Amino acid sequence: MLTATRTTTMLPVEDPERAGRFYADMLGLEPVTTAPDGTRVFALGRGDALGLMPAEKGAQTGHTVLSFEVPDLEGEIRELEGRGVRFEDYDLPGFKTVGHIAVMGDERAAWFTDTEGNILCLHEMLGDEAR
């Protein structure tokens, strides 16, 4: 069944080498392999993987493509900022970040982009939803 499989999230990247450095050096992900087509694969937690697939400029979307669940959102933000990751801030009707963090019910989240324009997120579950 699909519920018992490992998954690989594929992100389009214009420059796989540049993107690979970001995911390894800035986010601390472990490189696993590079496929014959140039897709760079990184290990994620619990056996899942991230593939950085070569694509033309503009293949990225305008929404969050990957979110990492973390137990300490502020701590992760500080660590990633220390590595040079720049977080986004928003001030929109009904949606505002304070210190890079938006509160949405039982979840808090912060967003940043990779070198290719893919929108990534860190999120922390609160209350009974926390794992």
Protein backbone atom coordinates (compact mmCIF):
# COMPACT_ATOMS: atom_id res chain seq x y z
CA MET A 1 0.00 0.00 0.00
CA LEU A 2 1.08 3.55 -0.60
CA THR A 3 0.70 4.36 3.09
CA ALA A 4 3.63 2.05 3.89
CA THR A 5 6.10 3.36 1.32
CA ARG A 6 9.02 5.72 1.50
CA THR A 7 8.64 8.86 -0.56
CA THR A 8 10.92 11.10 -2.58
CA THR A 9 9.89 14.72 -3.03
CA MET A 10 11.13 16.05 -6.37
CA LEU A 11 11.92 19.77 -6.67
CA PRO A 12 12.76 21.49 -9.97
CA VAL A 13 16.11 23.27 -9.93
CA GLU A 14 17.79 25.28 -12.66
CA ASP A 15 21.30 24.65 -11.31
CA PRO A 16 21.57 21.27 -9.51
CA GLU A 17 25.12 21.95 -8.31
CA ARG A 18 24.21 25.31 -6.74
CA ALA A 19 21.02 23.86 -5.25
CA GLY A 20 22.92 20.83 -3.99
CA ARG A 21 25.34 23.07 -2.09
CA PHE A 22 22.39 24.92 -0.51
CA TYR A 23 20.70 21.72 0.68
CA ALA A 24 23.94 20.17 1.95
CA ASP A 25 25.74 23.21 3.37
CA MET A 26 22.89 25.48 4.45
CA LEU A 27 20.26 22.91 5.47
CA GLY A 28 22.63 20.14 6.50
CA LEU A 29 20.99 17.39 4.42
CA GLU A 30 23.04 14.31 3.57
CA PRO A 31 23.72 13.72 -0.15
CA VAL A 32 22.93 10.15 -1.21
CA THR A 33 23.54 9.96 -4.96
CA THR A 34 23.35 11.75 -8.27
CA ALA A 35 21.19 10.04 -10.90
CA PRO A 36 22.26 9.78 -14.55
CA ASP A 37 19.89 12.63 -15.47
CA GLY A 38 21.65 14.94 -12.95
CA THR A 39 19.03 14.66 -10.20
CA ARG A 40 20.76 15.02 -6.85
CA VAL A 41 19.20 12.96 -4.07
CA PHE A 42 19.40 13.79 -0.36
CA ALA A 43 18.32 11.74 2.65
CA LEU A 44 15.43 13.06 4.72
CA GLY A 45 14.26 11.68 8.03
CA ARG A 46 12.49 8.33 8.39
CA GLY A 47 13.78 6.96 5.09
CA ASP A 48 12.28 9.61 2.81
CA ALA A 49 14.36 11.50 0.25
CA LEU A 50 14.55 14.78 -1.62
CA GLY A 51 15.41 14.88 -5.31
CA LEU A 52 16.71 18.05 -6.97
CA MET A 53 15.67 17.52 -10.57
CA PRO A 54 17.25 19.61 -13.35
CA ALA A 55 14.59 21.88 -14.86
CA GLU A 56 14.40 25.11 -16.80
CA LYS A 57 14.21 28.44 -15.03
CA GLY A 58 10.66 29.24 -13.97
CA ALA A 59 9.63 25.64 -13.30
CA GLN A 60 9.13 26.48 -9.61
CA THR A 61 5.67 27.21 -8.21
CA GLY A 62 4.46 30.12 -6.10
CA HIS A 63 3.51 27.99 -3.10
CA THR A 64 5.22 25.93 -0.42
CA VAL A 65 6.67 22.75 -1.93
CA LEU A 66 8.21 21.16 1.15
CA SER A 67 7.74 21.65 4.89
CA PHE A 68 10.01 20.29 7.60
CA GLU A 69 8.32 19.55 10.94
CA VAL A 70 10.58 20.63 13.80
CA PRO A 71 10.19 20.49 17.59
CA ASP A 72 11.77 23.92 18.26
CA LEU A 73 10.88 26.44 15.54
CA GLU A 74 12.85 29.36 17.01
CA GLY A 75 15.92 27.19 17.52
CA GLU A 76 15.81 25.91 13.93
CA ILE A 77 15.37 29.44 12.58
CA ARG A 78 18.40 30.64 14.58
CA GLU A 79 20.52 27.70 13.40
CA LEU A 80 19.59 28.16 9.73
CA GLU A 81 20.03 31.93 9.88
CA GLY A 82 23.49 31.26 11.30
CA ARG A 83 24.20 29.26 8.13
CA GLY A 84 22.97 32.12 5.94
CA VAL A 85 19.34 31.12 5.26
CA ARG A 86 17.09 34.17 4.91
CA PHE A 87 13.52 33.83 6.18
CA GLU A 88 10.56 35.64 4.65
CA ASP A 89 8.25 37.98 6.53
CA TYR A 90 4.64 38.58 5.53
CA ASP A 91 2.13 41.28 6.43
CA LEU A 92 -1.04 40.43 4.51
CA PRO A 93 -4.71 40.73 5.44
CA GLY A 94 -5.37 37.84 7.84
CA PHE A 95 -1.78 36.57 7.65
CA LYS A 96 1.22 38.10 9.40
CA THR A 97 4.57 36.86 10.59
CA VAL A 98 6.22 38.10 13.76
CA GLY A 99 9.90 37.24 14.06
CA HIS A 100 9.46 35.24 10.81
CA ILE A 101 6.73 33.08 12.43
CA ALA A 102 3.04 32.85 11.57
CA VAL A 103 0.61 31.21 13.99
CA MET A 104 -2.14 29.19 12.30
CA GLY A 105 -4.31 27.40 14.85
CA ASP A 106 -2.26 24.56 16.37
CA GLU A 107 0.69 25.19 14.09
CA ARG A 108 3.46 27.78 13.83
CA ALA A 109 5.46 28.14 10.62
CA ALA A 110 8.25 30.10 8.93
CA TRP A 111 9.18 30.24 5.23
CA PHE A 112 12.34 30.64 3.16
CA THR A 113 13.40 29.94 -0.41
CA ASP A 114 16.20 27.83 -1.81
CA THR A 115 18.67 29.13 -4.38
CA GLU A 116 16.27 28.16 -7.17
CA GLY A 117 13.16 29.94 -5.89
CA ASN A 118 11.41 26.90 -4.35
CA ILE A 119 9.45 27.93 -1.25
CA LEU A 120 10.29 25.83 1.81
CA CYS A 121 8.78 25.87 5.28
CA LEU A 122 9.60 24.93 8.83
CA HIS A 123 6.58 24.14 10.97
CA GLU A 124 5.98 23.24 14.59
CA MET A 125 2.84 21.57 15.88
CA LEU A 126 1.46 22.79 19.21
CA GLY A 127 -0.73 21.23 21.86
CA ASP A 128 -2.19 17.75 21.24
CA GLU A 129 -0.98 17.81 17.62
CA ALA A 130 2.71 17.94 18.66
CA ARG A 131 4.58 14.70 18.09
